[in-house]
Amino acid sequence: PEYTRNVPIGILVAFLITPLFEGYKTLFNYLFHDYFARILNPAKYSNEEEKEKRTQKIIKYARGLLYYSCTSIFAFFAFRNNKFWPTYIGGDNCCQDIYDQAPHVYEIEYGHNFYIF
């Protein structure tokens, strides 16, 4: 069927993107670890282990915030002209019949790329 034509390309892209995301995590840790460790209040943490644990938690939240903000911005620009979006953000607000042909829904431009990321 037509809806499965991009699956092999999608799998290939997923395998290529995985090291990129691991590199993003490593680079983010490398760049911001010292900064986040430095801004923590030393009086709150009795030992280095607790401070390191808290630093890693802050890094995880900051990294997630950056990632999800970027994907949300990408989704807005990639999907804003599709018919299922509400009119107040640029769509046609015509989502009543979007699942009539399920599981064979219409092709969403940039949909495969978005869901791979």
C-alpha atoms as a PDB file:
ATOM      1  CA  PRO A   1       0.000   0.000   0.000  1.00  0.00           C
ATOM      2  CA  GLU A   2       0.984   3.583  -0.550  1.00  0.00           C
ATOM      3  CA  TYR A   3       1.125   4.461   3.149  1.00  0.00           C
ATOM      4  CA  THR A   4       4.049   2.038   3.711  1.00  0.00           C
ATOM      5  CA  ARG A   5       6.266   3.287   0.891  1.00  0.00           C
ATOM      6  CA  ASN A   6       8.427   5.428   3.192  1.00  0.00           C
ATOM      7  CA  VAL A   7       8.985   2.844   5.922  1.00  0.00           C
ATOM      8  CA  PRO A   8      12.432   1.621   4.748  1.00  0.00           C
ATOM      9  CA  ILE A   9      13.634   5.210   4.374  1.00  0.00           C
ATOM     10  CA  GLY A  10      12.187   6.022   7.794  1.00  0.00           C
ATOM     11  CA  ILE A  11      14.042   3.137   9.409  1.00  0.00           C
ATOM     12  CA  LEU A  12      17.283   4.218   7.758  1.00  0.00           C
ATOM     13  CA  VAL A  13      16.791   7.783   8.945  1.00  0.00           C
ATOM     14  CA  ALA A  14      16.028   6.529  12.458  1.00  0.00           C
ATOM     15  CA  PHE A  15      19.313   4.605  12.539  1.00  0.00           C
ATOM     16  CA  LEU A  16      21.168   7.679  11.353  1.00  0.00           C
ATOM     17  CA  ILE A  17      19.436  10.007  13.803  1.00  0.00           C
ATOM     18  CA  THR A  18      20.053   7.872  16.911  1.00  0.00           C
ATOM     19  CA  PRO A  19      23.793   8.700  17.141  1.00  0.00           C
ATOM     20  CA  LEU A  20      22.915  12.334  16.554  1.00  0.00           C
ATOM     21  CA  PHE A  21      20.640  12.358  19.599  1.00  0.00           C
ATOM     22  CA  GLU A  22      23.249  10.580  21.698  1.00  0.00           C
ATOM     23  CA  GLY A  23      25.744  13.206  20.612  1.00  0.00           C
ATOM     24  CA  TYR A  24      23.239  15.918  21.574  1.00  0.00           C
ATOM     25  CA  LYS A  25      22.909  14.442  25.066  1.00  0.00           C
ATOM     26  CA  THR A  26      26.667  14.113  25.493  1.00  0.00           C
ATOM     27  CA  LEU A  27      27.374  17.610  24.187  1.00  0.00           C
ATOM     28  CA  PHE A  28      24.658  19.134  26.378  1.00  0.00           C
ATOM     29  CA  ASN A  29      26.122  17.383  29.444  1.00  0.00           C
ATOM     30  CA  TYR A  30      29.631  18.514  28.518  1.00  0.00           C
ATOM     31  CA  LEU A  31      28.632  22.142  27.971  1.00  0.00           C
ATOM     32  CA  PHE A  32      26.320  22.674  30.929  1.00  0.00           C
ATOM     33  CA  HIS A  33      27.412  20.278  33.681  1.00  0.00           C
ATOM     34  CA  ASP A  34      29.867  22.674  35.337  1.00  0.00           C
ATOM     35  CA  TYR A  35      27.465  25.600  35.066  1.00  0.00           C
ATOM     36  CA  PHE A  36      24.559  23.771  36.715  1.00  0.00           C
ATOM     37  CA  ALA A  37      26.830  22.289  39.391  1.00  0.00           C
ATOM     38  CA  ARG A  38      28.177  25.765  40.161  1.00  0.00           C
ATOM     39  CA  ILE A  39      24.779  27.449  40.562  1.00  0.00           C
ATOM     40  CA  LEU A  40      23.468  24.903  43.072  1.00  0.00           C
ATOM     41  CA  ASN A  41      23.339  26.080  46.666  1.00  0.00           C
ATOM     42  CA  PRO A  42      26.136  24.205  48.507  1.00  0.00           C
ATOM     43  CA  ALA A  43      24.301  24.464  51.836  1.00  0.00           C
ATOM     44  CA  LYS A  44      21.438  22.307  50.513  1.00  0.00           C
ATOM     45  CA  TYR A  45      23.590  19.316  49.572  1.00  0.00           C
ATOM     46  CA  SER A  46      25.627  17.599  52.245  1.00  0.00           C
ATOM     47  CA  ASN A  47      27.919  15.648  49.915  1.00  0.00           C
ATOM     48  CA  GLU A  48      29.124  15.563  46.333  1.00  0.00           C
ATOM     49  CA  GLU A  49      26.983  12.545  45.448  1.00  0.00           C
ATOM     50  CA  GLU A  50      23.734  14.386  46.211  1.00  0.00           C
ATOM     51  CA  LYS A  51      24.976  17.457  44.348  1.00  0.00           C
ATOM     52  CA  GLU A  52      25.903  15.355  41.294  1.00  0.00           C
ATOM     53  CA  LYS A  53      22.517  13.616  41.370  1.00  0.00           C
ATOM     54  CA  ARG A  54      20.735  16.962  41.430  1.00  0.00           C
ATOM     55  CA  THR A  55      22.957  18.339  38.673  1.00  0.00           C
ATOM     56  CA  GLN A  56      22.121  15.391  36.415  1.00  0.00           C
ATOM     57  CA  LYS A  57      18.422  15.902  37.095  1.00  0.00           C
ATOM     58  CA  ILE A  58      18.638  19.589  36.161  1.00  0.00           C
ATOM     59  CA  ILE A  59      20.561  18.718  32.992  1.00  0.00           C
ATOM     60  CA  LYS A  60      17.904  16.172  32.049  1.00  0.00           C
ATOM     61  CA  TYR A  61      15.093  18.711  32.503  1.00  0.00           C
ATOM     62  CA  ALA A  62      16.950  21.478  30.627  1.00  0.00           C
ATOM     63  CA  ARG A  63      17.824  19.115  27.764  1.00  0.00           C
ATOM     64  CA  GLY A  64      14.197  17.975  27.536  1.00  0.00           C
ATOM     65  CA  LEU A  65      12.960  21.549  27.594  1.00  0.00           C
ATOM     66  CA  LEU A  66      15.207  22.472  24.670  1.00  0.00           C
ATOM     67  CA  TYR A  67      14.329  19.327  22.701  1.00  0.00           C
ATOM     68  CA  TYR A  68      10.552  19.586  23.150  1.00  0.00           C
ATOM     69  CA  SER A  69      10.571  23.316  22.449  1.00  0.00           C
ATOM     70  CA  CYS A  70      12.390  22.725  19.161  1.00  0.00           C
ATOM     71  CA  THR A  71      10.081  19.879  18.111  1.00  0.00           C
ATOM     72  CA  SER A  72       7.018  21.959  18.968  1.00  0.00           C
ATOM     73  CA  ILE A  73       8.275  24.853  16.867  1.00  0.00           C
ATOM     74  CA  PHE A  74       9.063  22.440  14.018  1.00  0.00           C
ATOM     75  CA  ALA A  75       5.582  20.919  14.285  1.00  0.00           C
ATOM     76  CA  PHE A  76       3.962  24.335  14.147  1.00  0.00           C
ATOM     77  CA  PHE A  77       5.754  25.332  10.949  1.00  0.00           C
ATOM     78  CA  ALA A  78       5.539  21.886   9.330  1.00  0.00           C
ATOM     79  CA  PHE A  79       1.848  21.218  10.032  1.00  0.00           C
ATOM     80  CA  ARG A  80       0.293  24.681  10.123  1.00  0.00           C
ATOM     81  CA  ASN A  81      -1.164  24.400   6.619  1.00  0.00           C
ATOM     82  CA  ASN A  82      -2.852  21.042   7.164  1.00  0.00           C
ATOM     83  CA  LYS A  83      -6.613  20.819   7.351  1.00  0.00           C
ATOM     84  CA  PHE A  84      -6.762  19.361  10.868  1.00  0.00           C
ATOM     85  CA  TRP A  85      -5.265  22.429  12.558  1.00  0.00           C
ATOM     86  CA  PRO A  86      -7.583  24.966  14.202  1.00  0.00           C
ATOM     87  CA  THR A  87      -8.210  28.173  12.302  1.00  0.00           C
ATOM     88  CA  TYR A  88      -6.699  30.405  14.981  1.00  0.00           C
ATOM     89  CA  ILE A  89      -3.224  28.922  14.288  1.00  0.00           C
ATOM     90  CA  GLY A  90      -3.530  28.724  10.522  1.00  0.00           C
ATOM     91  CA  GLY A  91      -5.430  25.531   9.712  1.00  0.00           C
ATOM     92  CA  ASP A  92      -8.801  24.811   8.138  1.00  0.00           C
ATOM     93  CA  ASN A  93     -10.401  23.328  11.271  1.00  0.00           C
ATOM     94  CA  CYS A  94     -11.739  20.382   9.247  1.00  0.00           C
ATOM     95  CA  CYS A  95     -10.821  17.444  11.429  1.00  0.00           C
ATOM     96  CA  GLN A  96     -14.279  15.857  11.766  1.00  0.00           C
ATOM     97  CA  ASP A  97     -13.614  13.315   9.011  1.00  0.00           C
ATOM     98  CA  ILE A  98      -9.884  12.782   9.523  1.00  0.00           C
ATOM     99  CA  TYR A  99     -10.291   9.151  10.674  1.00  0.00           C
ATOM    100  CA  ASP A 100     -13.033   8.044   8.271  1.00  0.00           C
ATOM    101  CA  GLN A 101     -10.546   6.028   6.202  1.00  0.00           C
ATOM    102  CA  ALA A 102      -8.560   4.692   9.211  1.00  0.00           C
ATOM    103  CA  PRO A 103      -6.049   3.087   9.289  1.00  0.00           C
ATOM    104  CA  HIS A 104      -5.423   4.573   5.832  1.00  0.00           C
ATOM    105  CA  VAL A 105      -5.447   8.252   6.758  1.00  0.00           C
ATOM    106  CA  TYR A 106      -4.370  10.873   4.262  1.00  0.00           C
ATOM    107  CA  GLU A 107      -0.691  11.686   3.842  1.00  0.00           C
ATOM    108  CA  ILE A 108       0.490  14.457   6.148  1.00  0.00           C
ATOM    109  CA  GLU A 109       3.315  16.483   4.660  1.00  0.00           C
ATOM    110  CA  TYR A 110       6.427  16.178   6.871  1.00  0.00           C
ATOM    111  CA  GLY A 111       4.569  13.695   9.103  1.00  0.00           C
ATOM    112  CA  HIS A 112       7.103  10.897   8.730  1.00  0.00           C
ATOM    113  CA  ASN A 113      10.003  13.207   9.545  1.00  0.00           C
ATOM    114  CA  PHE A 114       8.250  14.592  12.603  1.00  0.00           C
ATOM    115  CA  TYR A 115       7.422  11.192  14.073  1.00  0.00           C
ATOM    116  CA  ILE A 116      10.931   9.879  13.458  1.00  0.00           C
ATOM    117  CA  PHE A 117      12.350  12.769  15.449  1.00  0.00           C
END
